[in-house]
Amino acid sequence: MTRAGTSHGSPQADGAYAPDPMDLYVGARIKQERIRKDMTQAVLGKAIGVTFQQVQKYEAGVNRVSASMLVGIARTLRVEPSIFFPETVGGEPGPEASIRATEPGRELNALFGRLTKRQRDVIVMLARELAASRPDD
């Protein structure tokens, strides 16, 4: 019998399925961000409408996180949903890999989403000006 009636993951000798590596990765990133925000599993669970045991299963990769649940988790943790995925796609670096790989980049990303459209436009214009005036390294 597969776990929870699904067949994702890798079959083991006993017929059970091991968690899929991507489910493990997403779960580990949820846990990392939750701890970084100094939030308990119970608090996160209550905010997204599940028990702390369910949060444990998400973090362990035992249960898959649906897209809508992942968006809810991201909102609660005040991060972009993309932060829960690897920095590479198909072996190629993702477009935001370099900035998201740093603490200031993650903070900037989280704060940017809380700005008004006008404020975001000003920040983008400033970034363009700064990048254009950057001396060659």
C-alpha atoms as a PDB file:
ATOM      1  CA  MET A   1       0.000   0.000   0.000  1.00  0.00           C
ATOM      2  CA  THR A   2       1.284   3.435  -0.830  1.00  0.00           C
ATOM      3  CA  ARG A   3       1.335   6.127   1.786  1.00  0.00           C
ATOM      4  CA  ALA A   4      -1.870   8.122   1.947  1.00  0.00           C
ATOM      5  CA  GLY A   5      -3.084   6.337  -1.166  1.00  0.00           C
ATOM      6  CA  THR A   6      -0.571   8.037  -3.423  1.00  0.00           C
ATOM      7  CA  SER A   7       2.244   6.671  -5.507  1.00  0.00           C
ATOM      8  CA  HIS A   8       4.655   9.581  -5.518  1.00  0.00           C
ATOM      9  CA  GLY A   9       8.167   9.063  -4.267  1.00  0.00           C
ATOM     10  CA  SER A  10      10.338   5.998  -4.675  1.00  0.00           C
ATOM     11  CA  PRO A  11       9.119   2.463  -3.949  1.00  0.00           C
ATOM     12  CA  GLN A  12      10.961   0.659  -1.167  1.00  0.00           C
ATOM     13  CA  ALA A  13      11.488  -3.083  -0.704  1.00  0.00           C
ATOM     14  CA  ASP A  14       8.490  -3.312   1.648  1.00  0.00           C
ATOM     15  CA  GLY A  15       6.140  -1.753  -0.924  1.00  0.00           C
ATOM     16  CA  ALA A  16       5.918   1.565   0.910  1.00  0.00           C
ATOM     17  CA  TYR A  17       7.027   4.766  -0.764  1.00  0.00           C
ATOM     18  CA  ALA A  18       9.866   7.009   0.378  1.00  0.00           C
ATOM     19  CA  PRO A  19       9.201  10.741   0.185  1.00  0.00           C
ATOM     20  CA  ASP A  20      10.014  12.369  -3.133  1.00  0.00           C
ATOM     21  CA  PRO A  21      13.264  14.390  -2.986  1.00  0.00           C
ATOM     22  CA  MET A  22      11.412  17.567  -4.004  1.00  0.00           C
ATOM     23  CA  ASP A  23       8.899  17.078  -1.168  1.00  0.00           C
ATOM     24  CA  LEU A  24      11.842  16.693   1.222  1.00  0.00           C
ATOM     25  CA  TYR A  25      13.462  19.856  -0.144  1.00  0.00           C
ATOM     26  CA  VAL A  26      10.273  21.934   0.075  1.00  0.00           C
ATOM     27  CA  GLY A  27       9.626  20.673   3.599  1.00  0.00           C
ATOM     28  CA  ALA A  28      13.143  21.522   4.719  1.00  0.00           C
ATOM     29  CA  ARG A  29      12.822  25.045   3.285  1.00  0.00           C
ATOM     30  CA  ILE A  30       9.480  25.541   5.080  1.00  0.00           C
ATOM     31  CA  LYS A  31      11.126  24.476   8.336  1.00  0.00           C
ATOM     32  CA  GLN A  32      14.144  26.709   7.733  1.00  0.00           C
ATOM     33  CA  GLU A  33      12.003  29.788   7.082  1.00  0.00           C
ATOM     34  CA  ARG A  34       9.667  29.010  10.002  1.00  0.00           C
ATOM     35  CA  ILE A  35      12.619  28.756  12.396  1.00  0.00           C
ATOM     36  CA  ARG A  36      14.197  31.879  10.903  1.00  0.00           C
ATOM     37  CA  LYS A  37      10.972  33.727  11.733  1.00  0.00           C
ATOM     38  CA  ASP A  38      11.057  32.259  15.264  1.00  0.00           C
ATOM     39  CA  MET A  39       7.655  30.633  14.741  1.00  0.00           C
ATOM     40  CA  THR A  40       6.471  27.345  16.224  1.00  0.00           C
ATOM     41  CA  GLN A  41       4.811  24.599  14.210  1.00  0.00           C
ATOM     42  CA  ALA A  42       1.643  25.208  16.221  1.00  0.00           C
ATOM     43  CA  VAL A  43       1.551  28.914  15.339  1.00  0.00           C
ATOM     44  CA  LEU A  44       2.199  28.229  11.646  1.00  0.00           C
ATOM     45  CA  GLY A  45      -0.400  25.454  11.639  1.00  0.00           C
ATOM     46  CA  LYS A  46      -3.063  27.648  13.212  1.00  0.00           C
ATOM     47  CA  ALA A  47      -2.353  30.446  10.721  1.00  0.00           C
ATOM     48  CA  ILE A  48      -2.789  28.113   7.730  1.00  0.00           C
ATOM     49  CA  GLY A  49      -5.640  26.066   9.179  1.00  0.00           C
ATOM     50  CA  VAL A  50      -3.906  22.763   9.963  1.00  0.00           C
ATOM     51  CA  THR A  51      -2.580  21.034  13.072  1.00  0.00           C
ATOM     52  CA  PHE A  52       1.037  21.238  14.172  1.00  0.00           C
ATOM     53  CA  GLN A  53       1.258  17.522  13.328  1.00  0.00           C
ATOM     54  CA  GLN A  54       0.377  18.342   9.720  1.00  0.00           C
ATOM     55  CA  VAL A  55       3.097  21.014   9.672  1.00  0.00           C
ATOM     56  CA  GLN A  56       5.510  18.340  10.950  1.00  0.00           C
ATOM     57  CA  LYS A  57       4.498  16.076   8.061  1.00  0.00           C
ATOM     58  CA  TYR A  58       4.954  18.886   5.539  1.00  0.00           C
ATOM     59  CA  GLU A  59       8.390  19.697   6.943  1.00  0.00           C
ATOM     60  CA  ALA A  60       9.448  16.044   6.925  1.00  0.00           C
ATOM     61  CA  GLY A  61       8.279  15.603   3.330  1.00  0.00           C
ATOM     62  CA  VAL A  62       5.874  12.857   4.411  1.00  0.00           C
ATOM     63  CA  ASN A  63       2.862  14.794   3.083  1.00  0.00           C
ATOM     64  CA  ARG A  64       2.991  16.907  -0.032  1.00  0.00           C
ATOM     65  CA  VAL A  65       2.146  20.584   0.218  1.00  0.00           C
ATOM     66  CA  SER A  66      -0.468  21.739  -2.287  1.00  0.00           C
ATOM     67  CA  ALA A  67       0.171  24.892  -4.293  1.00  0.00           C
ATOM     68  CA  SER A  68      -2.544  26.814  -2.445  1.00  0.00           C
ATOM     69  CA  MET A  69      -1.193  25.672   0.923  1.00  0.00           C
ATOM     70  CA  LEU A  70       2.343  26.662  -0.086  1.00  0.00           C
ATOM     71  CA  VAL A  71       1.096  30.145  -0.975  1.00  0.00           C
ATOM     72  CA  GLY A  72      -0.615  30.349   2.434  1.00  0.00           C
ATOM     73  CA  ILE A  73       2.576  29.251   4.181  1.00  0.00           C
ATOM     74  CA  ALA A  74       4.568  31.835   2.215  1.00  0.00           C
ATOM     75  CA  ARG A  75       2.096  34.576   3.157  1.00  0.00           C
ATOM     76  CA  THR A  76       2.247  33.598   6.812  1.00  0.00           C
ATOM     77  CA  LEU A  77       6.055  33.558   6.787  1.00  0.00           C
ATOM     78  CA  ARG A  78       6.130  36.749   4.669  1.00  0.00           C
ATOM     79  CA  VAL A  79       8.259  35.257   1.915  1.00  0.00           C
ATOM     80  CA  GLU A  80       7.759  34.604  -1.781  1.00  0.00           C
ATOM     81  CA  PRO A  81       6.539  31.050  -2.582  1.00  0.00           C
ATOM     82  CA  SER A  82       9.505  30.614  -4.939  1.00  0.00           C
ATOM     83  CA  ILE A  83      11.831  30.585  -1.924  1.00  0.00           C
ATOM     84  CA  PHE A  84      10.691  27.015  -1.230  1.00  0.00           C
ATOM     85  CA  PHE A  85      12.151  25.698  -4.485  1.00  0.00           C
ATOM     86  CA  PRO A  86      15.725  24.963  -5.540  1.00  0.00           C
ATOM     87  CA  GLU A  87      17.830  27.741  -7.011  1.00  0.00           C
ATOM     88  CA  THR A  88      18.165  25.718 -10.215  1.00  0.00           C
ATOM     89  CA  VAL A  89      15.599  24.493 -12.683  1.00  0.00           C
ATOM     90  CA  GLY A  90      16.659  21.590 -14.862  1.00  0.00           C
ATOM     91  CA  GLY A  91      20.276  22.114 -13.806  1.00  0.00           C
ATOM     92  CA  GLU A  92      20.254  25.786 -14.846  1.00  0.00           C
ATOM     93  CA  PRO A  93      20.360  28.631 -12.297  1.00  0.00           C
ATOM     94  CA  GLY A  94      16.990  30.276 -11.779  1.00  0.00           C
ATOM     95  CA  PRO A  95      16.680  33.953 -12.715  1.00  0.00           C
ATOM     96  CA  GLU A  96      16.542  35.063  -9.070  1.00  0.00           C
ATOM     97  CA  ALA A  97      19.161  32.645  -7.750  1.00  0.00           C
ATOM     98  CA  SER A  98      21.856  35.162  -6.920  1.00  0.00           C
ATOM     99  CA  ILE A  99      19.727  37.648  -4.986  1.00  0.00           C
ATOM    100  CA  ARG A 100      17.647  35.033  -3.158  1.00  0.00           C
ATOM    101  CA  ALA A 101      20.810  33.260  -2.056  1.00  0.00           C
ATOM    102  CA  THR A 102      21.674  36.122   0.304  1.00  0.00           C
ATOM    103  CA  GLU A 103      20.001  37.290   3.494  1.00  0.00           C
ATOM    104  CA  PRO A 104      19.700  40.906   2.247  1.00  0.00           C
ATOM    105  CA  GLY A 105      18.233  39.592  -1.003  1.00  0.00           C
ATOM    106  CA  ARG A 106      15.584  37.548   0.807  1.00  0.00           C
ATOM    107  CA  GLU A 107      14.728  40.524   3.017  1.00  0.00           C
ATOM    108  CA  LEU A 108      14.545  42.873   0.022  1.00  0.00           C
ATOM    109  CA  ASN A 109      12.316  40.379  -1.785  1.00  0.00           C
ATOM    110  CA  ALA A 110       9.948  40.111   1.192  1.00  0.00           C
ATOM    111  CA  LEU A 111       9.787  43.875   1.723  1.00  0.00           C
ATOM    112  CA  PHE A 112       9.331  44.667  -1.976  1.00  0.00           C
ATOM    113  CA  GLY A 113       6.068  42.745  -2.011  1.00  0.00           C
ATOM    114  CA  ARG A 114       4.679  44.951   0.772  1.00  0.00           C
ATOM    115  CA  LEU A 115       5.277  48.228  -1.103  1.00  0.00           C
ATOM    116  CA  THR A 116       2.745  50.125  -3.197  1.00  0.00           C
ATOM    117  CA  LYS A 117       3.092  50.025  -6.979  1.00  0.00           C
ATOM    118  CA  ARG A 118       4.446  53.583  -6.972  1.00  0.00           C
ATOM    119  CA  GLN A 119       7.031  52.712  -4.307  1.00  0.00           C
ATOM    120  CA  ARG A 120       8.077  49.594  -6.246  1.00  0.00           C
ATOM    121  CA  ASP A 121       8.485  51.680  -9.414  1.00  0.00           C
ATOM    122  CA  VAL A 122      10.747  54.112  -7.533  1.00  0.00           C
ATOM    123  CA  ILE A 123      12.863  51.249  -6.153  1.00  0.00           C
ATOM    124  CA  VAL A 124      13.224  49.698  -9.622  1.00  0.00           C
ATOM    125  CA  MET A 125      14.212  53.067 -11.081  1.00  0.00           C
ATOM    126  CA  LEU A 126      16.795  53.534  -8.312  1.00  0.00           C
ATOM    127  CA  ALA A 127      18.182  50.038  -8.897  1.00  0.00           C
ATOM    128  CA  ARG A 128      18.503  50.739 -12.631  1.00  0.00           C
ATOM    129  CA  GLU A 129      20.395  53.974 -11.924  1.00  0.00           C
ATOM    130  CA  LEU A 130      22.695  52.279  -9.416  1.00  0.00           C
ATOM    131  CA  ALA A 131      23.387  49.368 -11.764  1.00  0.00           C
ATOM    132  CA  ALA A 132      24.098  51.713 -14.682  1.00  0.00           C
ATOM    133  CA  SER A 133      26.576  53.758 -12.650  1.00  0.00           C
ATOM    134  CA  ARG A 134      28.372  50.708 -11.229  1.00  0.00           C
ATOM    135  CA  PRO A 135      32.069  50.699 -12.095  1.00  0.00           C
ATOM    136  CA  ASP A 136      33.430  47.620 -13.833  1.00  0.00           C
ATOM    137  CA  ASP A 137      34.783  45.072 -11.349  1.00  0.00           C
END
